[in-house]
Amino acid sequence: MADRPHHELRNETPLERADRNFAELLQEVRVTQAGVQILFAFLLTLAFTQRFPDIDAFQRTTYVVTLLLSMLAAVLFTAPAALHRSLFQQNAKPVIVQVSSRLASAGLAVLMLAFTGSVLLVVDVTLGRAAGIAAGAGTMAACVLLWGVLPRLVRRTSVRTDQPVTEGPTETPGGRGRKSSED
């Protein structure tokens, strides 16, 4: 039974799997979208503060690049909803899930850069260039470790122990699985 794909262990059809995967993806995007919106709003207000005219060329460039990155992250994270809406009832759910997953992954990469830039900017303005660069590098390192390296380590550990990566109970009444994984 361990050799069967997870979706077969759940006893779900390809469309049921696509529906479940899209629902899980949308939940992930909802969590991330709130942070993106807060960051974008924060960055939008900075240009209207009294201290903004006093920032140097490096800080101004960092600000504009970070603002544009946060806007791009917001667009990437809202694109799955727009894609779903435009292809609604077109029997395209598996393609919507596949493309939306890629959009969300790209959104995380861009968000990492936006987080890095915003921390770099704020720490540079408040503590100086060296501290800003160090804080920005630390932010990027934390994102790479927690968003990139950690999932790979968990996946590698689960493969070595022959255990699927799951959350919650493996079966619910009625035989429908509630495992959370990428099928």
Protein backbone atom coordinates (compact mmCIF):
# COMPACT_ATOMS: atom_id res chain seq x y z
CA MET A 1 0.00 0.00 0.00
CA ALA A 2 2.96 2.36 0.58
CA ASP A 3 3.78 2.18 -3.16
CA ARG A 4 0.44 3.74 -4.16
CA PRO A 5 0.26 7.49 -4.83
CA HIS A 6 -1.30 9.57 -2.03
CA HIS A 7 -4.38 10.43 -4.12
CA GLU A 8 -5.14 6.72 -4.54
CA LEU A 9 -4.84 6.19 -0.78
CA ARG A 10 -7.40 8.97 -0.37
CA ASN A 11 -9.75 7.34 -2.86
CA GLU A 12 -10.38 10.61 -4.73
CA THR A 13 -10.91 11.27 -8.40
CA PRO A 14 -8.56 13.57 -10.34
CA LEU A 15 -11.18 16.34 -10.17
CA GLU A 16 -11.64 15.88 -6.43
CA ARG A 17 -7.86 16.05 -6.02
CA ALA A 18 -7.72 19.23 -8.15
CA ASP A 19 -10.51 20.79 -6.03
CA ARG A 20 -8.71 19.88 -2.80
CA ASN A 21 -5.34 21.09 -4.04
CA PHE A 22 -6.86 24.39 -5.23
CA ALA A 23 -8.58 24.90 -1.87
CA GLU A 24 -5.28 24.25 -0.05
CA LEU A 25 -3.44 26.61 -2.39
CA LEU A 26 -6.01 29.37 -1.86
CA GLN A 27 -5.66 28.99 1.91
CA GLU A 28 -1.88 29.37 1.63
CA VAL A 29 -2.32 32.45 -0.57
CA ARG A 30 -4.80 33.99 1.93
CA VAL A 31 -2.23 33.72 4.71
CA THR A 32 0.52 35.24 2.58
CA GLN A 33 -1.64 37.91 0.96
CA ALA A 34 -2.29 39.67 4.27
CA GLY A 35 1.45 40.19 4.81
CA VAL A 36 1.91 41.39 1.24
CA GLN A 37 -0.91 43.91 1.59
CA ILE A 38 0.48 45.28 4.86
CA LEU A 39 3.97 45.59 3.38
CA PHE A 40 2.67 47.28 0.23
CA ALA A 41 0.55 49.74 2.24
CA PHE A 42 3.51 50.54 4.50
CA LEU A 43 5.75 51.21 1.52
CA LEU A 44 3.14 53.38 -0.19
CA THR A 45 2.94 55.66 2.85
CA LEU A 46 6.72 56.12 3.21
CA ALA A 47 6.98 58.49 0.25
CA PHE A 48 4.63 60.89 2.04
CA THR A 49 6.55 61.11 5.32
CA GLN A 50 8.52 64.21 6.34
CA ARG A 51 11.83 62.35 6.35
CA PHE A 52 11.49 60.87 2.83
CA PRO A 53 13.02 63.86 0.96
CA ASP A 54 16.18 63.46 3.07
CA ILE A 55 16.98 59.86 2.03
CA ASP A 56 19.99 59.31 -0.22
CA ALA A 57 20.08 57.83 -3.74
CA PHE A 58 20.75 54.26 -2.49
CA GLN A 59 17.80 54.41 -0.10
CA ARG A 60 15.54 55.94 -2.76
CA THR A 61 16.49 53.20 -5.24
CA THR A 62 15.98 50.52 -2.58
CA TYR A 63 12.58 52.04 -1.81
CA VAL A 64 11.38 52.10 -5.43
CA VAL A 65 12.64 48.58 -6.18
CA THR A 66 11.07 47.24 -2.97
CA LEU A 67 7.77 48.99 -3.68
CA LEU A 68 7.67 47.47 -7.16
CA LEU A 69 8.60 44.03 -5.81
CA SER A 70 5.80 44.18 -3.22
CA MET A 71 3.35 45.22 -5.95
CA LEU A 72 4.52 42.30 -8.13
CA ALA A 73 4.14 39.90 -5.18
CA ALA A 74 0.58 41.15 -4.63
CA VAL A 75 -0.20 40.64 -8.32
CA LEU A 76 1.28 37.13 -8.31
CA PHE A 77 -0.70 36.16 -5.21
CA THR A 78 -3.99 37.49 -6.59
CA ALA A 79 -3.46 35.97 -10.06
CA PRO A 80 -4.85 32.52 -9.07
CA ALA A 81 -8.22 34.11 -8.23
CA ALA A 82 -8.25 35.98 -11.54
CA LEU A 83 -7.23 32.84 -13.42
CA HIS A 84 -9.94 30.81 -11.71
CA ARG A 85 -12.53 33.50 -12.41
CA SER A 86 -11.62 33.72 -16.10
CA LEU A 87 -11.64 29.93 -16.56
CA PHE A 88 -14.60 29.22 -14.27
CA GLN A 89 -16.75 26.32 -15.49
CA GLN A 90 -14.41 25.61 -18.40
CA ASN A 91 -13.28 22.19 -17.06
CA ALA A 92 -9.81 23.61 -16.50
CA LYS A 93 -9.35 23.01 -12.75
CA PRO A 94 -6.21 20.81 -13.05
CA VAL A 95 -4.52 23.44 -15.25
CA ILE A 96 -5.68 26.23 -12.93
CA VAL A 97 -4.11 24.38 -9.98
CA GLN A 98 -0.83 23.81 -11.83
CA VAL A 99 -0.49 27.40 -13.06
CA SER A 100 -1.67 28.85 -9.73
CA SER A 101 0.90 26.80 -7.85
CA ARG A 102 3.64 28.23 -10.05
CA LEU A 103 2.29 31.76 -9.57
CA ALA A 104 2.31 31.30 -5.78
CA SER A 105 5.88 29.96 -5.87
CA ALA A 106 6.98 32.95 -7.93
CA GLY A 107 5.10 35.18 -5.49
CA LEU A 108 7.08 33.75 -2.57
CA ALA A 109 10.38 34.36 -4.38
CA VAL A 110 9.40 37.97 -5.12
CA LEU A 111 8.07 38.43 -1.58
CA MET A 112 11.41 37.28 -0.19
CA LEU A 113 13.11 40.04 -2.18
CA ALA A 114 10.50 42.60 -1.06
CA PHE A 115 10.98 41.61 2.60
CA THR A 116 14.74 41.85 2.16
CA GLY A 117 14.50 45.28 0.56
CA SER A 118 12.11 46.67 3.14
CA VAL A 119 14.26 45.53 6.06
CA LEU A 120 17.38 46.83 4.31
CA LEU A 121 15.73 50.22 3.78
CA VAL A 122 14.34 50.67 7.29
CA VAL A 123 17.50 49.52 9.06
CA ASP A 124 19.69 51.56 6.71
CA VAL A 125 17.70 54.71 7.48
CA THR A 126 17.62 54.09 11.22
CA LEU A 127 21.00 52.48 11.99
CA GLY A 128 23.20 52.97 8.93
CA ARG A 129 24.25 51.24 5.73
CA ALA A 130 26.28 48.38 7.22
CA ALA A 131 23.51 47.45 9.65
CA GLY A 132 20.95 47.70 6.84
CA ILE A 133 22.91 45.38 4.57
CA ALA A 134 23.42 42.91 7.44
CA ALA A 135 19.73 42.98 8.35
CA GLY A 136 18.72 42.59 4.71
CA ALA A 137 21.08 39.65 4.27
CA GLY A 138 19.72 38.10 7.48
CA THR A 139 16.17 38.52 6.22
CA MET A 140 17.00 36.84 2.93
CA ALA A 141 18.84 34.03 4.72
CA ALA A 142 15.85 33.42 7.03
CA CYS A 143 13.46 33.25 4.07
CA VAL A 144 15.76 30.93 2.10
CA LEU A 145 16.19 28.65 5.10
CA LEU A 146 12.55 28.54 6.21
CA TRP A 147 10.86 28.64 2.80
CA GLY A 148 13.41 26.70 0.73
CA VAL A 149 15.79 24.56 2.76
CA LEU A 150 13.39 23.45 5.52
CA PRO A 151 10.76 22.01 3.15
CA ARG A 152 13.48 20.08 1.29
CA LEU A 153 14.84 18.69 4.55
CA VAL A 154 11.37 17.63 5.68
CA ARG A 155 10.70 16.02 2.31
CA ARG A 156 14.07 14.23 2.34
CA THR A 157 13.48 13.00 5.91
CA SER A 158 10.01 11.72 5.02
CA VAL A 159 11.41 9.87 1.98
CA ARG A 160 14.13 8.24 4.08
CA THR A 161 11.66 7.10 6.70
CA ASP A 162 9.13 6.11 3.99
CA GLN A 163 6.50 8.28 5.66
CA PRO A 164 4.34 10.71 3.70
CA VAL A 165 4.42 14.35 4.76
CA THR A 166 0.95 14.87 6.25
CA GLU A 167 -1.04 17.09 8.51
CA GLY A 168 -3.97 15.97 10.55
CA PRO A 169 -5.73 12.61 10.45
CA THR A 170 -5.14 10.37 7.46
CA GLU A 171 -8.77 9.31 7.17
CA THR A 172 -12.07 10.88 8.00
CA PRO A 173 -15.47 9.22 8.31
CA GLY A 174 -16.66 8.25 4.87
CA GLY A 175 -13.17 7.32 3.67
CA ARG A 176 -12.15 10.75 2.34
CA GLY A 177 -8.59 11.62 3.35
CA ARG A 178 -7.59 14.93 4.86
CA LYS A 179 -3.86 14.70 4.28
CA SER A 180 -2.18 17.87 3.20
CA SER A 181 0.40 17.26 0.49
CA GLU A 182 1.23 18.07 -3.07
CA ASP A 183 -0.22 15.37 -5.30
